[in-house]
Structure formats: structure tokens, C-alpha cells
N, C-alpha and C. Protein backbone atom coordinates (compact mmCIF):
# COMPACT_ATOMS: atom_id res chain seq x y z
N MET A 1 105.59 82.29 132.31
CA MET A 1 104.57 82.69 131.35
C MET A 1 104.79 81.88 130.07
N LYS A 2 103.74 81.37 129.51
CA LYS A 2 103.82 80.57 128.29
C LYS A 2 103.81 81.50 127.07
N LEU A 3 104.30 80.97 125.95
CA LEU A 3 104.37 81.74 124.72
C LEU A 3 103.01 82.30 124.33
N LYS A 4 101.97 81.51 124.45
CA LYS A 4 100.62 81.97 124.10
C LYS A 4 100.23 83.18 124.95
N GLU A 5 100.57 83.15 126.24
CA GLU A 5 100.26 84.26 127.13
C GLU A 5 101.06 85.50 126.75
N LEU A 6 102.33 85.31 126.33
CA LEU A 6 103.16 86.44 125.89
C LEU A 6 102.55 87.11 124.67
N VAL A 7 102.11 86.31 123.70
CA VAL A 7 101.52 86.86 122.47
C VAL A 7 100.23 87.61 122.81
N GLU A 8 99.42 87.06 123.70
CA GLU A 8 98.19 87.74 124.09
C GLU A 8 98.48 89.06 124.81
N LYS A 9 99.52 89.05 125.65
CA LYS A 9 99.83 90.25 126.43
C LYS A 9 100.52 91.32 125.61
N TYR A 10 101.49 90.94 124.76
CA TYR A 10 102.32 91.91 124.06
C TYR A 10 101.99 92.07 122.58
N GLY A 11 101.20 91.21 122.01
CA GLY A 11 100.82 91.32 120.60
C GLY A 11 102.03 91.41 119.69
N GLU A 12 102.12 92.49 118.91
CA GLU A 12 103.21 92.64 117.95
C GLU A 12 104.40 93.40 118.53
N TYR A 13 104.44 93.58 119.82
CA TYR A 13 105.56 94.27 120.45
C TYR A 13 106.79 93.36 120.45
N ASP A 14 107.98 93.99 120.43
CA ASP A 14 109.21 93.24 120.61
C ASP A 14 109.27 92.84 122.08
N VAL A 15 109.56 91.59 122.33
CA VAL A 15 109.63 91.11 123.71
C VAL A 15 111.10 90.93 124.08
N VAL A 16 111.50 91.53 125.19
CA VAL A 16 112.87 91.43 125.69
C VAL A 16 112.83 90.59 126.97
N VAL A 17 113.55 89.48 126.93
CA VAL A 17 113.62 88.60 128.09
C VAL A 17 115.00 88.74 128.70
N SER A 18 115.06 88.97 130.00
CA SER A 18 116.36 89.09 130.67
C SER A 18 116.26 88.45 132.05
N ARG A 19 117.43 88.18 132.63
CA ARG A 19 117.47 87.57 133.96
C ARG A 19 118.09 88.57 134.93
N SER A 20 117.44 88.77 136.05
CA SER A 20 117.96 89.68 137.07
C SER A 20 119.20 89.07 137.72
N ILE A 21 120.25 89.85 137.82
CA ILE A 21 121.49 89.38 138.42
C ILE A 21 121.31 89.18 139.93
N THR A 22 120.57 90.07 140.56
CA THR A 22 120.43 90.00 142.03
C THR A 22 119.43 88.95 142.48
N THR A 23 118.29 88.84 141.80
CA THR A 23 117.26 87.90 142.26
C THR A 23 117.20 86.63 141.44
N ASN A 24 117.94 86.59 140.31
CA ASN A 24 117.96 85.45 139.40
C ASN A 24 116.57 85.15 138.81
N GLU A 25 115.68 86.16 138.79
CA GLU A 25 114.36 85.98 138.20
C GLU A 25 114.38 86.40 136.73
N ILE A 26 113.52 85.79 135.97
CA ILE A 26 113.39 86.15 134.56
C ILE A 26 112.42 87.33 134.47
N MET A 27 112.85 88.37 133.71
CA MET A 27 112.01 89.55 133.53
C MET A 27 111.62 89.65 132.06
N ILE A 28 110.39 90.01 131.81
CA ILE A 28 109.89 90.14 130.45
C ILE A 28 109.35 91.55 130.28
N ASN A 29 109.85 92.24 129.26
CA ASN A 29 109.39 93.59 128.96
C ASN A 29 108.95 93.66 127.51
N GLY A 30 107.87 94.36 127.27
CA GLY A 30 107.40 94.57 125.90
C GLY A 30 107.83 95.92 125.39
N ARG A 31 108.28 95.99 124.16
CA ARG A 31 108.71 97.25 123.56
C ARG A 31 108.08 97.34 122.18
N LYS A 32 107.41 98.45 121.94
CA LYS A 32 106.77 98.66 120.64
C LYS A 32 107.83 98.65 119.54
N PRO A 33 107.62 97.87 118.46
CA PRO A 33 108.61 97.84 117.39
C PRO A 33 108.65 99.17 116.63
N LYS A 34 109.83 99.49 116.10
CA LYS A 34 109.96 100.71 115.30
C LYS A 34 109.23 100.53 113.98
N PRO A 35 108.58 101.58 113.49
CA PRO A 35 107.90 101.48 112.20
C PRO A 35 108.91 101.22 111.08
N LYS A 36 108.50 100.43 110.11
CA LYS A 36 109.37 100.12 108.97
C LYS A 36 109.13 101.07 107.80
N SER A 37 108.02 101.80 107.82
CA SER A 37 107.72 102.79 106.79
C SER A 37 106.91 103.92 107.41
N VAL A 38 106.83 105.04 106.71
CA VAL A 38 106.08 106.18 107.26
C VAL A 38 104.59 105.88 107.37
N TRP A 39 104.10 104.90 106.63
CA TRP A 39 102.69 104.56 106.68
C TRP A 39 102.35 103.77 107.95
N GLU A 40 103.37 103.34 108.69
CA GLU A 40 103.15 102.64 109.96
C GLU A 40 103.27 103.58 111.16
N LEU A 41 103.58 104.84 110.94
CA LEU A 41 103.76 105.79 112.04
C LEU A 41 102.47 106.00 112.82
N GLU A 42 102.63 106.14 114.12
CA GLU A 42 101.50 106.45 115.00
C GLU A 42 101.86 107.66 115.84
N LYS A 43 100.87 108.27 116.45
CA LYS A 43 101.12 109.43 117.31
C LYS A 43 102.15 109.04 118.38
N GLY A 44 103.15 109.90 118.53
CA GLY A 44 104.21 109.64 119.50
C GLY A 44 105.47 109.08 118.87
N ASP A 45 105.39 108.56 117.63
CA ASP A 45 106.58 108.05 116.94
C ASP A 45 107.43 109.21 116.46
N LYS A 46 108.73 109.03 116.56
CA LYS A 46 109.65 110.07 116.10
C LYS A 46 109.80 109.94 114.59
N CYS A 47 109.69 111.08 113.92
CA CYS A 47 109.91 111.13 112.47
C CYS A 47 110.30 112.55 112.09
N TYR A 48 110.63 112.74 110.83
CA TYR A 48 111.13 114.02 110.34
C TYR A 48 110.35 114.41 109.09
N TYR A 49 110.31 115.72 108.83
CA TYR A 49 109.62 116.18 107.63
C TYR A 49 110.39 117.34 107.01
N ILE A 50 110.13 117.55 105.72
CA ILE A 50 110.70 118.69 105.02
C ILE A 50 109.67 119.81 105.10
N SER A 51 110.07 120.92 105.71
CA SER A 51 109.14 122.02 105.92
C SER A 51 108.93 122.81 104.62
N LEU A 52 107.97 123.67 104.65
CA LEU A 52 107.65 124.54 103.53
C LEU A 52 108.85 125.39 103.12
N PHE A 53 109.73 125.68 104.08
CA PHE A 53 110.87 126.54 103.81
C PHE A 53 112.14 125.77 103.49
N GLY A 54 112.02 124.45 103.30
CA GLY A 54 113.18 123.65 102.91
C GLY A 54 114.10 123.26 104.04
N ASP A 55 113.56 123.17 105.24
CA ASP A 55 114.33 122.71 106.39
C ASP A 55 113.87 121.31 106.77
N VAL A 56 114.75 120.54 107.38
CA VAL A 56 114.36 119.25 107.93
C VAL A 56 114.02 119.47 109.40
N GLU A 57 112.81 119.09 109.78
CA GLU A 57 112.31 119.32 111.13
C GLU A 57 111.93 118.00 111.79
N ASP A 58 112.09 117.94 113.09
CA ASP A 58 111.66 116.81 113.91
C ASP A 58 110.19 117.05 114.27
N THR A 59 109.35 116.05 114.16
CA THR A 59 107.94 116.24 114.48
C THR A 59 107.67 116.28 115.97
N GLY A 60 108.63 115.82 116.76
CA GLY A 60 108.41 115.78 118.20
C GLY A 60 107.35 114.77 118.60
N GLY A 61 107.07 113.81 117.74
CA GLY A 61 106.07 112.79 118.04
C GLY A 61 104.65 113.22 117.73
N TYR A 62 104.49 114.42 117.22
CA TYR A 62 103.16 114.93 116.91
C TYR A 62 102.93 114.81 115.41
N LEU A 63 102.06 113.91 115.00
CA LEU A 63 101.87 113.66 113.57
C LEU A 63 100.85 114.56 112.90
N SER A 64 99.72 114.76 113.54
CA SER A 64 98.68 115.53 112.87
C SER A 64 99.03 117.01 112.92
N PRO A 65 98.99 117.78 111.87
CA PRO A 65 98.46 117.50 110.54
C PRO A 65 99.45 116.85 109.58
N LEU A 66 100.61 116.39 110.08
CA LEU A 66 101.57 115.76 109.18
C LEU A 66 101.07 114.46 108.59
N SER A 67 100.04 113.87 109.19
CA SER A 67 99.52 112.62 108.64
C SER A 67 99.08 112.81 107.19
N GLU A 68 98.58 114.00 106.86
CA GLU A 68 98.24 114.28 105.45
C GLU A 68 99.50 114.47 104.62
N ALA A 69 100.58 114.96 105.23
CA ALA A 69 101.83 115.19 104.52
C ALA A 69 102.54 113.89 104.15
N ILE A 70 102.23 112.81 104.84
CA ILE A 70 102.85 111.53 104.51
C ILE A 70 102.58 111.17 103.06
N ASP A 71 101.36 111.40 102.61
CA ASP A 71 100.98 111.08 101.23
C ASP A 71 101.67 111.96 100.20
N THR A 72 102.21 113.10 100.60
CA THR A 72 102.91 113.98 99.65
C THR A 72 104.40 113.69 99.57
N GLY A 73 104.88 112.78 100.42
CA GLY A 73 106.27 112.38 100.35
C GLY A 73 107.25 113.28 101.06
N VAL A 74 106.81 114.02 102.08
CA VAL A 74 107.73 114.91 102.80
C VAL A 74 107.99 114.45 104.23
N VAL A 75 107.53 113.26 104.60
CA VAL A 75 107.74 112.72 105.94
C VAL A 75 108.66 111.51 105.84
N PHE A 76 109.63 111.41 106.78
CA PHE A 76 110.65 110.37 106.73
C PHE A 76 110.88 109.79 108.11
N LEU A 77 111.33 108.55 108.17
CA LEU A 77 111.60 107.90 109.44
C LEU A 77 112.87 108.43 110.10
N THR A 78 113.85 108.81 109.28
CA THR A 78 115.12 109.28 109.84
C THR A 78 115.47 110.67 109.31
N GLU A 79 116.26 111.38 110.08
CA GLU A 79 116.72 112.70 109.67
C GLU A 79 117.61 112.57 108.43
N GLU A 80 118.42 111.51 108.37
CA GLU A 80 119.30 111.29 107.23
C GLU A 80 118.50 111.13 105.93
N ASP A 81 117.42 110.34 105.98
CA ASP A 81 116.58 110.15 104.79
C ASP A 81 115.95 111.47 104.36
N ALA A 82 115.51 112.26 105.32
CA ALA A 82 114.88 113.55 105.00
C ALA A 82 115.89 114.49 104.34
N LYS A 83 117.11 114.55 104.89
CA LYS A 83 118.14 115.43 104.32
C LYS A 83 118.54 114.97 102.92
N LYS A 84 118.62 113.67 102.72
CA LYS A 84 118.97 113.13 101.40
C LYS A 84 117.90 113.47 100.37
N ASP A 85 116.64 113.34 100.75
CA ASP A 85 115.56 113.66 99.82
C ASP A 85 115.47 115.15 99.56
N LEU A 86 115.75 115.98 100.56
CA LEU A 86 115.76 117.42 100.37
C LEU A 86 116.82 117.81 99.34
N GLU A 87 118.00 117.23 99.44
CA GLU A 87 119.07 117.52 98.47
C GLU A 87 118.67 117.05 97.06
N ARG A 88 118.01 115.88 96.96
CA ARG A 88 117.54 115.40 95.66
C ARG A 88 116.56 116.41 95.05
N ARG A 89 115.64 116.92 95.86
CA ARG A 89 114.67 117.90 95.39
C ARG A 89 115.36 119.19 94.91
N LYS A 90 116.38 119.62 95.67
CA LYS A 90 117.11 120.84 95.29
C LYS A 90 117.83 120.65 93.96
N VAL A 91 118.47 119.51 93.78
CA VAL A 91 119.19 119.25 92.53
C VAL A 91 118.22 119.16 91.36
N GLU A 92 117.09 118.49 91.54
CA GLU A 92 116.10 118.43 90.47
C GLU A 92 115.57 119.82 90.12
N THR A 93 115.38 120.67 91.12
CA THR A 93 114.92 122.04 90.88
C THR A 93 115.96 122.81 90.08
N LEU A 94 117.23 122.62 90.39
CA LEU A 94 118.30 123.28 89.62
C LEU A 94 118.33 122.78 88.18
N LEU A 95 118.09 121.49 87.97
CA LEU A 95 118.03 120.97 86.60
C LEU A 95 116.89 121.63 85.82
N LEU A 96 115.77 121.82 86.48
CA LEU A 96 114.64 122.50 85.83
C LEU A 96 115.00 123.96 85.54
N LYS A 97 115.69 124.59 86.46
CA LYS A 97 116.12 125.98 86.27
C LYS A 97 117.04 126.11 85.06
N HIS A 98 117.84 125.08 84.80
CA HIS A 98 118.80 125.11 83.70
C HIS A 98 118.23 124.50 82.41
N GLY A 99 116.92 124.58 82.26
CA GLY A 99 116.31 124.18 80.99
C GLY A 99 115.69 122.81 80.96
N GLY A 100 115.67 122.11 82.08
CA GLY A 100 115.03 120.80 82.11
C GLY A 100 113.52 120.92 82.19
N ARG A 101 112.85 119.82 81.94
CA ARG A 101 111.39 119.77 82.03
C ARG A 101 110.97 118.39 82.51
N ARG A 102 109.83 118.31 83.12
CA ARG A 102 109.36 117.02 83.66
C ARG A 102 108.53 116.22 82.67
N TYR A 103 108.14 116.82 81.58
CA TYR A 103 107.27 116.12 80.64
C TYR A 103 108.05 115.67 79.41
N PHE A 104 107.61 114.57 78.83
CA PHE A 104 108.17 114.04 77.58
C PHE A 104 107.50 114.77 76.43
N ASP A 105 108.29 115.38 75.56
CA ASP A 105 107.76 116.14 74.43
C ASP A 105 107.83 115.27 73.17
N GLY A 106 106.67 114.89 72.67
CA GLY A 106 106.61 114.03 71.49
C GLY A 106 107.04 114.72 70.21
N HIS A 107 107.21 116.05 70.24
CA HIS A 107 107.59 116.81 69.05
C HIS A 107 109.03 117.31 69.12
N SER A 108 109.77 116.86 70.11
CA SER A 108 111.14 117.35 70.30
C SER A 108 112.02 116.19 70.72
N HIS A 109 113.32 116.44 70.79
CA HIS A 109 114.22 115.44 71.34
C HIS A 109 114.07 115.45 72.85
N ASN A 110 114.32 114.32 73.47
CA ASN A 110 114.17 114.18 74.91
C ASN A 110 115.43 113.54 75.47
N TYR A 111 116.34 114.39 75.94
CA TYR A 111 117.58 113.90 76.53
C TYR A 111 117.43 113.86 78.05
N HIS A 112 118.13 112.95 78.65
CA HIS A 112 118.18 112.90 80.11
C HIS A 112 119.62 112.66 80.54
N ILE A 113 119.89 112.90 81.79
CA ILE A 113 121.23 112.71 82.33
C ILE A 113 121.30 111.33 82.97
N GLY A 114 122.32 110.57 82.59
CA GLY A 114 122.51 109.24 83.15
C GLY A 114 123.99 108.99 83.42
N LEU A 115 124.25 107.91 84.13
CA LEU A 115 125.64 107.52 84.40
C LEU A 115 126.16 106.67 83.25
N ASP A 116 127.45 106.83 82.92
CA ASP A 116 128.03 105.97 81.90
C ASP A 116 128.17 104.56 82.48
N ASP A 117 128.65 103.64 81.67
CA ASP A 117 128.71 102.23 82.06
C ASP A 117 129.53 101.96 83.31
N TYR A 118 130.48 102.79 83.61
CA TYR A 118 131.37 102.55 84.74
C TYR A 118 131.07 103.45 85.94
N GLU A 119 129.94 104.14 85.91
CA GLU A 119 129.49 105.02 86.99
C GLU A 119 130.55 106.06 87.36
N GLU A 120 131.27 106.51 86.36
CA GLU A 120 132.30 107.52 86.62
C GLU A 120 131.85 108.91 86.19
N HIS A 121 131.16 109.02 85.07
CA HIS A 121 130.79 110.33 84.55
C HIS A 121 129.32 110.35 84.15
N LEU A 122 128.75 111.55 84.22
CA LEU A 122 127.39 111.74 83.76
C LEU A 122 127.42 112.02 82.26
N LYS A 123 126.38 111.59 81.58
CA LYS A 123 126.31 111.72 80.14
C LYS A 123 124.86 111.97 79.75
N ALA A 124 124.65 112.67 78.64
CA ALA A 124 123.29 112.91 78.15
C ALA A 124 122.91 111.78 77.20
N TYR A 125 121.77 111.18 77.43
CA TYR A 125 121.26 110.09 76.60
C TYR A 125 119.91 110.53 76.03
N ILE A 126 119.63 110.11 74.81
CA ILE A 126 118.33 110.42 74.21
C ILE A 126 117.35 109.30 74.55
N LEU A 127 116.11 109.67 74.81
CA LEU A 127 115.06 108.70 75.10
C LEU A 127 114.01 108.76 74.01
N MET A 128 113.51 107.61 73.63
CA MET A 128 112.48 107.54 72.60
C MET A 128 111.07 107.36 73.20
N THR A 129 111.03 106.95 74.46
CA THR A 129 109.74 106.77 75.12
C THR A 129 109.78 107.43 76.50
N PRO A 130 108.63 107.85 77.00
CA PRO A 130 108.58 108.48 78.32
C PRO A 130 109.02 107.51 79.43
N THR A 131 109.68 108.05 80.43
CA THR A 131 110.13 107.26 81.57
C THR A 131 109.75 108.00 82.84
N GLN A 132 109.30 107.28 83.84
CA GLN A 132 108.86 107.89 85.10
C GLN A 132 110.05 108.50 85.84
N GLY A 133 109.84 109.70 86.39
CA GLY A 133 110.82 110.32 87.25
C GLY A 133 112.01 110.97 86.57
N ILE A 134 111.93 111.23 85.28
CA ILE A 134 113.05 111.77 84.52
C ILE A 134 112.85 113.27 84.30
N ILE A 135 113.96 114.00 84.30
CA ILE A 135 113.95 115.39 83.86
C ILE A 135 114.57 115.40 82.47
N TYR A 136 113.82 115.93 81.50
CA TYR A 136 114.23 115.91 80.09
C TYR A 136 114.83 117.25 79.68
N PHE A 137 115.67 117.19 78.66
CA PHE A 137 116.26 118.39 78.06
C PHE A 137 116.06 118.32 76.55
N ASP A 138 115.97 119.48 75.91
CA ASP A 138 115.79 119.53 74.45
C ASP A 138 117.03 119.09 73.69
N THR A 139 118.20 119.37 74.25
CA THR A 139 119.45 119.02 73.55
C THR A 139 120.44 118.40 74.54
N SER A 140 121.36 117.66 73.98
CA SER A 140 122.44 117.08 74.75
C SER A 140 123.30 118.18 75.37
N GLU A 141 123.52 119.24 74.60
CA GLU A 141 124.35 120.35 75.07
C GLU A 141 123.74 121.02 76.29
N ARG A 142 122.43 121.20 76.27
CA ARG A 142 121.75 121.84 77.41
C ARG A 142 121.86 120.96 78.66
N ALA A 143 121.74 119.65 78.48
CA ALA A 143 121.88 118.73 79.61
C ALA A 143 123.30 118.78 80.17
N GLN A 144 124.29 118.77 79.29
CA GLN A 144 125.69 118.81 79.73
C GLN A 144 126.01 120.15 80.42
N LYS A 145 125.43 121.24 79.92
CA LYS A 145 125.65 122.55 80.54
C LYS A 145 125.07 122.57 81.96
N ALA A 146 123.90 121.96 82.12
CA ALA A 146 123.30 121.89 83.45
C ALA A 146 124.20 121.11 84.40
N VAL A 147 124.78 120.02 83.92
CA VAL A 147 125.69 119.22 84.74
C VAL A 147 126.89 120.05 85.16
N SER A 148 127.48 120.76 84.21
CA SER A 148 128.68 121.54 84.55
C SER A 148 128.37 122.69 85.51
N GLU A 149 127.18 123.29 85.40
CA GLU A 149 126.84 124.41 86.27
C GLU A 149 126.42 123.96 87.68
N ILE A 150 125.76 122.82 87.77
CA ILE A 150 125.32 122.32 89.08
C ILE A 150 126.45 121.56 89.77
N GLY A 151 127.21 120.82 88.98
CA GLY A 151 128.30 120.02 89.53
C GLY A 151 128.02 118.54 89.40
N GLU A 152 128.91 117.86 88.70
CA GLU A 152 128.72 116.44 88.44
C GLU A 152 128.65 115.63 89.74
N GLU A 153 129.53 115.91 90.68
CA GLU A 153 129.55 115.14 91.93
C GLU A 153 128.26 115.34 92.73
N ARG A 154 127.76 116.56 92.75
CA ARG A 154 126.51 116.84 93.48
C ARG A 154 125.35 116.07 92.87
N ILE A 155 125.27 116.06 91.54
CA ILE A 155 124.19 115.34 90.86
C ILE A 155 124.33 113.83 91.09
N LYS A 156 125.54 113.30 90.97
CA LYS A 156 125.75 111.87 91.17
C LYS A 156 125.34 111.44 92.58
N LYS A 157 125.69 112.25 93.56
CA LYS A 157 125.38 111.91 94.94
C LYS A 157 123.87 112.00 95.21
N ALA A 158 123.24 113.09 94.73
CA ALA A 158 121.83 113.33 95.05
C ALA A 158 120.87 112.47 94.24
N LEU A 159 121.16 112.26 92.96
CA LEU A 159 120.20 111.54 92.11
C LEU A 159 120.54 110.09 91.87
N PHE A 160 121.81 109.75 91.93
CA PHE A 160 122.23 108.37 91.64
C PHE A 160 122.81 107.66 92.85
N GLU A 161 122.88 108.38 93.97
CA GLU A 161 123.40 107.86 95.23
C GLU A 161 124.79 107.23 95.09
N VAL A 162 125.60 107.83 94.20
CA VAL A 162 126.99 107.41 94.06
C VAL A 162 127.77 108.17 95.10
N ARG A 163 128.47 107.47 95.94
CA ARG A 163 129.22 108.11 97.03
C ARG A 163 130.68 108.23 96.67
């Protein structure tokens, strides 16, 4: 089979070429490539989602109605990615519980939690302009209290991916 014929037959599939040990013939098999993002998922693809109750579930290859959930950010290619994002969501929720807020307040101080220069300790930094994805605190003390109550290692792992 010529390359042109392979492309026509298998399109964007991964092509595996092997030689039979018994007959010494060349065998060609097409295998659908794994999706590189959740937006490439098709019915029958294995993926995971975060359920309404905070569990990581396997879709079993059934996407609909999860296809709408892809746009909300709760569908993942791997179970590991889903569990990591679930923990990030839990830690952010705890920061909000301990006095954090998602909006930048132009009439107040806006502190956020960040890593120091050596990625060893968390520290409260003041921000003068809004930044995407930040949880703000009114005071440095409130931010530091949240860190001590939630746990520095848990926050570093979930939000900064420091292992």
C-alpha cells in the first residue's frame, strides 16, 4: 500500500505497521489518536468529570449531556487532572470561607497569597491592579490567617503545583 492510499484509508488515525512473525507479511492497523484536549473529545472517548457532589467520575465514554459541561471546566482527559482541579477548587473555596473574595475592591487594600522568591513559603502581597484568577483579602493578616488554617503545604500543592 502506498502512503497516499494509507492517508486516504486512515486519515488522521495513528498508523501502526508491523511484520507477522509467522507469515512475514506486513500488517497495517489504524488506531484513532487520543484527544489532546477536552474540546477534541468524541462519543466513546474516555474522560472524567467533577460531579455536582464533588466526586471525580468516569464518563464511561458517554459524553452527552457532558458536552455542555466541557465549557464549564469540569471535564478532564485524565482522572489525575480531574482530582488535581477538584483539590484546587476546594482550596479556593476555603480561602473564600476565610475572608477571601474574587473581586478587586478599588476602595480597599487587595492582598493575595503568593510564593516568596525561593518557593519555600507563602506570603501576602498587596496588588494595585486587578489580576485574573486571584482571591483577594482586605488585610495581610487575614491572608496569613487563612494560610495557617488551611495549611501552607496544601495551598502550595493545589494552587502553585509545588510538590
